[in-house]
């Protein structure tokens, strides 16, 4: 026996609307046509799906048992049609986005939602790591697009788009007695610094690390945790520290006359890779995010 989509549509619409006439109105069919489709389905399976003895039809136990299966089939058909239309329209079938763990935010999640709404049948994967991991995922082709703090040097095979800037501040454990919230360079060098590991990997440690002792971490979240634990001071994006500062878990200080530094974020992709519609949506949306 061959079940038709029209039969399943008529059956599920009748269940959901409570009658043949109401089901017909919802799917653009005459009520008698819907009733006949359901009757044919009952004949095909030798099952009674609705009790018609009262004025209002009621779903039988057999009907209840089959309803979810019918809905599942219709959902799969809908997914099939959307996938076929996506392929016919040249839309990407899969997309992998790599993001610096320090830049994960509610705003980025909103962009993910917009992407999923625009490409509902596309397979979407998010990879989270440090800036060098993001770069490596892009260079190896594992990810089509990456978003991270600037690594200051870009290989020639990578294309880059500058995005929002952010302030970097100095923070220290709350129990350090820092007079007037200012430390000299000499005082700082005598304290352990918590620094980004990717600076060391890139050979930028001398430019960005001031202390004689350094504890390396690969994410802003881990660096902040170490400062809260009292293990040293750090340069961190201000936006990563706002809650900890408000809660009094850490304190902000300045080194001499220096107040703030500004760093940049960037989007990267392989220079030889064409930008598809999913990539373009992400690039356009992220570039609208304001500096922090």
Protein backbone atom coordinates (compact mmCIF):
# COMPACT_ATOMS: atom_id res chain seq x y z
CA UNK A 1 0.00 0.00 0.00
CA UNK A 2 1.29 3.44 -0.91
CA UNK A 3 0.53 6.28 1.47
CA UNK A 4 0.30 9.64 -0.24
CA UNK A 5 1.35 13.00 1.11
CA UNK A 6 -2.16 14.29 0.50
CA UNK A 7 -3.51 11.60 2.82
CA UNK A 8 -1.06 12.46 5.57
CA UNK A 9 -1.72 16.19 5.18
CA UNK A 10 -5.48 15.60 5.36
CA UNK A 11 -5.14 13.33 8.40
CA UNK A 12 -2.87 15.67 10.41
CA UNK A 13 -4.91 18.76 9.51
CA UNK A 14 -8.09 17.01 10.68
CA UNK A 15 -6.45 16.11 13.99
CA UNK A 16 -5.22 19.65 14.53
CA UNK A 17 -8.40 21.45 13.43
CA UNK A 18 -10.92 19.04 14.92
CA UNK A 19 -12.98 18.37 11.81
CA UNK A 20 -12.94 17.77 8.07
CA UNK A 21 -14.44 21.11 7.12
CA UNK A 22 -12.05 23.07 9.35
CA UNK A 23 -9.11 21.02 8.05
CA UNK A 24 -10.15 21.75 4.49
CA UNK A 25 -10.22 25.47 5.16
CA UNK A 26 -6.72 25.33 6.63
CA UNK A 27 -5.14 23.52 3.68
CA UNK A 28 -7.24 24.99 0.87
CA UNK A 29 -9.30 21.87 0.17
CA UNK A 30 -13.01 21.10 0.31
CA UNK A 31 -14.10 19.31 3.47
CA UNK A 32 -15.46 16.32 1.53
CA UNK A 33 -12.09 15.94 -0.21
CA UNK A 34 -10.31 15.88 3.13
CA UNK A 35 -12.82 13.34 4.48
CA UNK A 36 -12.25 11.10 1.45
CA UNK A 37 -8.45 11.28 1.81
CA UNK A 38 -8.71 10.22 5.45
CA UNK A 39 -11.18 7.45 4.59
CA UNK A 40 -8.78 6.13 1.93
CA UNK A 41 -5.96 6.12 4.50
CA UNK A 42 -8.15 4.11 6.89
CA UNK A 43 -9.02 1.63 4.13
CA UNK A 44 -5.37 1.23 3.10
CA UNK A 45 -4.34 0.29 6.64
CA UNK A 46 -7.62 -1.30 7.76
CA UNK A 47 -7.64 1.03 10.75
CA UNK A 48 -10.21 3.44 12.13
CA UNK A 49 -8.43 6.74 12.80
CA UNK A 50 -11.48 8.76 13.86
CA UNK A 51 -14.67 7.90 15.71
CA UNK A 52 -17.52 9.40 13.70
CA UNK A 53 -20.40 8.20 15.88
CA UNK A 54 -20.92 11.53 17.63
CA UNK A 55 -21.58 14.94 16.11
CA UNK A 56 -17.90 15.86 16.52
CA UNK A 57 -15.29 13.39 15.33
CA UNK A 58 -12.75 12.16 17.89
CA UNK A 59 -9.35 10.61 17.40
CA UNK A 60 -9.12 6.89 18.14
CA UNK A 61 -6.20 5.21 19.89
CA UNK A 62 -4.89 4.13 16.50
CA UNK A 63 -5.15 7.69 15.24
CA UNK A 64 -3.29 8.99 18.28
CA UNK A 65 -0.52 6.42 17.75
CA UNK A 66 -0.07 7.36 14.07
CA UNK A 67 -0.39 11.13 14.34
CA UNK A 68 3.20 11.86 15.47
CA UNK A 69 4.58 9.50 12.82
CA UNK A 70 2.59 11.32 10.16
CA UNK A 71 3.87 14.67 11.40
CA UNK A 72 7.44 13.36 11.35
CA UNK A 73 7.08 12.28 7.72
CA UNK A 74 5.71 15.69 6.73
CA UNK A 75 8.54 17.45 8.57
CA UNK A 76 11.09 15.34 6.69
CA UNK A 77 9.40 16.14 3.38
CA UNK A 78 9.48 19.85 4.22
CA UNK A 79 13.16 19.59 5.12
CA UNK A 80 13.84 17.74 1.86
CA UNK A 81 12.12 20.46 -0.16
CA UNK A 82 14.03 23.23 1.64
CA UNK A 83 17.32 21.41 1.09
CA UNK A 84 16.58 20.92 -2.61
CA UNK A 85 15.65 24.58 -3.03
CA UNK A 86 18.83 25.61 -1.21
CA UNK A 87 20.97 23.48 -3.53
CA UNK A 88 19.15 24.77 -6.60
CA UNK A 89 19.75 28.33 -5.42
CA UNK A 90 23.49 27.77 -5.01
CA UNK A 91 23.40 28.34 -1.25
CA UNK A 92 26.18 26.80 0.90
CA UNK A 93 25.36 23.40 2.34
CA UNK A 94 27.74 23.70 5.29
CA UNK A 95 29.64 26.48 7.02
CA UNK A 96 32.21 26.43 9.83
CA UNK A 97 32.94 29.58 11.81
CA UNK A 98 35.93 29.84 14.18
CA UNK A 99 35.82 32.38 16.99
CA UNK A 100 38.25 33.60 19.61
CA UNK A 101 36.84 32.52 23.00
CA UNK A 102 37.45 36.06 24.30
CA UNK A 103 34.99 37.48 21.75
CA UNK A 104 32.02 35.21 22.44
CA UNK A 105 29.06 37.43 23.29
CA UNK A 106 25.28 37.77 23.16
CA UNK A 107 25.68 39.99 20.10
CA UNK A 108 27.55 37.24 18.26
CA UNK A 109 24.85 34.74 19.23
CA UNK A 110 22.27 37.08 17.72
CA UNK A 111 24.24 36.99 14.47
CA UNK A 112 24.26 33.18 14.61
CA UNK A 113 20.47 33.27 14.91
CA UNK A 114 20.19 35.54 11.87
CA UNK A 115 22.45 33.14 9.94
CA UNK A 116 20.38 30.11 10.92
CA UNK A 117 17.19 31.93 9.95
CA UNK A 118 18.65 32.84 6.56
CA UNK A 119 20.03 29.33 5.91
CA UNK A 120 17.77 26.93 7.85
CA UNK A 121 19.01 23.73 6.20
CA UNK A 122 22.71 24.60 6.17
CA UNK A 123 24.97 22.58 8.46
CA UNK A 124 26.55 25.17 10.78
CA UNK A 125 29.50 24.50 13.08
CA UNK A 126 31.15 26.84 15.59
CA UNK A 127 34.74 26.27 16.74
CA UNK A 128 36.05 28.19 19.76
CA UNK A 129 39.71 28.65 20.63
CA UNK A 130 42.49 31.20 21.00
CA UNK A 131 43.55 33.58 18.17
CA UNK A 132 46.21 31.25 16.80
CA UNK A 133 43.84 28.30 16.82
CA UNK A 134 41.32 30.40 14.90
CA UNK A 135 44.00 31.29 12.35
CA UNK A 136 45.11 27.67 12.00
CA UNK A 137 41.53 26.44 11.48
CA UNK A 138 41.11 28.97 8.68
CA UNK A 139 44.48 28.30 7.05
CA UNK A 140 43.89 24.54 7.09
CA UNK A 141 40.42 24.91 5.57
CA UNK A 142 38.64 23.50 8.62
CA UNK A 143 36.81 26.82 9.03
CA UNK A 144 35.72 29.11 6.21
CA UNK A 145 35.74 32.24 8.40
CA UNK A 146 37.47 33.23 11.63
CA UNK A 147 36.97 36.05 14.13
CA UNK A 148 39.58 36.91 16.73
CA UNK A 149 41.63 39.54 18.45
CA UNK A 150 44.28 40.84 16.08
CA UNK A 151 47.45 38.77 15.97
CA UNK A 152 49.31 41.83 14.57
CA UNK A 153 50.91 39.77 11.78
CA UNK A 154 48.92 38.12 9.00
CA UNK A 155 50.26 35.45 6.60
CA UNK A 156 49.99 36.46 2.94
CA UNK A 157 47.53 33.65 2.20
CA UNK A 158 44.99 35.11 4.63
CA UNK A 159 42.56 37.93 3.81
CA UNK A 160 41.57 40.19 6.69
CA UNK A 161 38.78 42.63 7.48
CA UNK A 162 39.20 44.96 10.46
CA UNK A 163 36.33 44.99 12.94
CA UNK A 164 35.60 46.69 16.23
CA UNK A 165 38.27 48.04 18.57
CA UNK A 166 38.27 47.67 22.34
CA UNK A 167 40.02 49.18 25.34
CA UNK A 168 42.58 47.15 27.26
CA UNK A 169 43.05 47.87 30.95
CA UNK A 170 45.32 46.69 33.76
CA UNK A 171 43.70 44.68 36.55
CA UNK A 172 45.12 43.25 39.76
CA UNK A 173 43.88 41.10 42.65
CA UNK A 174 41.59 43.02 44.98
CA UNK A 175 43.85 42.57 48.01
CA UNK A 176 46.90 44.23 46.44
CA UNK A 177 47.48 47.55 48.15
CA UNK A 178 47.97 49.83 45.14
CA UNK A 179 48.35 53.45 46.21
CA UNK A 180 46.19 55.81 44.10
CA UNK A 181 45.60 52.88 41.71
CA UNK A 182 48.99 53.55 40.08
CA UNK A 183 52.07 51.33 39.85
CA UNK A 184 55.43 52.16 38.34
CA UNK A 185 56.98 50.02 35.63
CA UNK A 186 59.55 48.84 38.16
CA UNK A 187 56.85 47.78 40.62
CA UNK A 188 54.98 45.92 37.89
CA UNK A 189 58.07 44.02 36.83
CA UNK A 190 58.34 42.64 40.36
CA UNK A 191 54.83 41.19 40.20
CA UNK A 192 53.75 38.10 38.31
CA UNK A 193 51.88 38.88 35.09
CA UNK A 194 49.16 36.69 33.61
CA UNK A 195 49.56 36.87 29.84
CA UNK A 196 48.21 35.51 26.59
CA UNK A 197 50.05 32.43 25.37
CA UNK A 198 49.60 33.43 21.71
CA UNK A 199 51.85 36.46 22.30
CA UNK A 200 54.65 34.10 23.26
CA UNK A 201 53.93 31.82 20.29
CA UNK A 202 54.09 34.80 17.91
CA UNK A 203 57.24 36.19 19.47
CA UNK A 204 55.47 39.31 20.74
CA UNK A 205 56.08 38.58 24.41
CA UNK A 206 58.70 41.31 24.85
CA UNK A 207 56.33 43.97 23.51
CA UNK A 208 53.31 42.92 25.56
CA UNK A 209 54.74 41.31 28.68
CA UNK A 210 56.43 43.49 31.31
CA UNK A 211 56.97 41.29 34.35
CA UNK A 212 59.91 39.05 35.13
CA UNK A 213 57.52 36.22 35.99
CA UNK A 214 54.70 35.30 33.62
CA UNK A 215 51.89 32.77 33.84
CA UNK A 216 50.56 32.03 30.34
CA UNK A 217 46.90 31.29 29.53
CA UNK A 218 45.17 31.01 26.16
CA UNK A 219 41.83 32.72 26.93
CA UNK A 220 40.76 35.97 28.56
CA UNK A 221 38.40 34.04 30.82
CA UNK A 222 41.25 31.97 32.25
CA UNK A 223 43.47 35.02 32.69
CA UNK A 224 40.69 36.77 34.62
CA UNK A 225 40.21 33.70 36.79
CA UNK A 226 43.90 33.70 37.68
CA UNK A 227 43.81 37.39 38.60
CA UNK A 228 40.74 36.81 40.79
CA UNK A 229 42.63 33.95 42.47
CA UNK A 230 45.44 36.36 43.33
CA UNK A 231 48.07 34.84 41.07
CA UNK A 232 49.12 38.05 39.31
CA UNK A 233 48.08 41.11 37.31
CA UNK A 234 47.04 41.30 33.66
CA UNK A 235 46.23 43.41 30.63
CA UNK A 236 42.71 42.45 29.62
CA UNK A 237 39.93 43.78 27.40
CA UNK A 238 37.77 46.05 29.51
CA UNK A 239 34.61 44.25 28.39
CA UNK A 240 35.92 40.99 29.86
CA UNK A 241 36.40 42.57 33.30
CA UNK A 242 33.27 44.67 33.81
CA UNK A 243 31.41 42.22 36.02
CA UNK A 244 34.50 41.30 38.05
CA UNK A 245 35.24 45.00 38.61
CA UNK A 246 31.62 45.70 39.60
CA UNK A 247 31.66 42.77 42.03
CA UNK A 248 34.96 43.89 43.56
CA UNK A 249 36.72 40.68 42.60
CA UNK A 250 39.57 42.62 40.94
CA UNK A 251 40.75 46.22 40.87
CA UNK A 252 41.84 48.41 37.99
CA UNK A 253 45.15 50.24 38.09
CA UNK A 254 47.42 52.22 35.78
CA UNK A 255 51.10 51.88 34.98
CA UNK A 256 52.68 55.32 35.38
CA UNK A 257 50.98 57.88 33.15
CA UNK A 258 49.61 55.22 30.81
CA UNK A 259 45.83 54.86 30.94
CA UNK A 260 44.39 52.72 28.16
CA UNK A 261 45.59 50.76 25.20
CA UNK A 262 43.36 49.92 22.25
CA UNK A 263 43.40 46.61 20.42
CA UNK A 264 41.56 45.50 17.30
CA UNK A 265 39.45 42.54 16.26
CA UNK A 266 39.56 41.03 12.79
CA UNK A 267 37.79 38.61 10.49
CA UNK A 268 39.99 36.29 8.45
CA UNK A 269 39.49 33.84 5.59
CA UNK A 270 41.64 32.22 2.92
CA UNK A 271 42.55 34.85 0.32
CA UNK A 272 41.85 32.43 -2.56
CA UNK A 273 38.46 31.36 -1.22
CA UNK A 274 35.37 32.95 -2.78
CA UNK A 275 33.10 34.61 -0.22
CA UNK A 276 29.79 32.74 -0.20
CA UNK A 277 26.48 34.14 1.01
CA UNK A 278 26.82 32.72 4.53
CA UNK A 279 30.28 34.22 4.94
CA UNK A 280 29.06 37.56 3.61
CA UNK A 281 26.20 37.66 6.09
CA UNK A 282 28.61 37.06 8.98
CA UNK A 283 31.16 39.60 7.70
CA UNK A 284 28.55 42.32 7.20
CA UNK A 285 26.92 41.72 10.58
CA UNK A 286 30.13 41.56 12.63
CA UNK A 287 31.51 44.69 10.99
CA UNK A 288 28.47 46.63 12.24
CA UNK A 289 29.29 45.84 15.89
CA UNK A 290 30.47 48.99 17.71
CA UNK A 291 33.80 49.37 19.46
CA UNK A 292 33.78 48.30 23.08
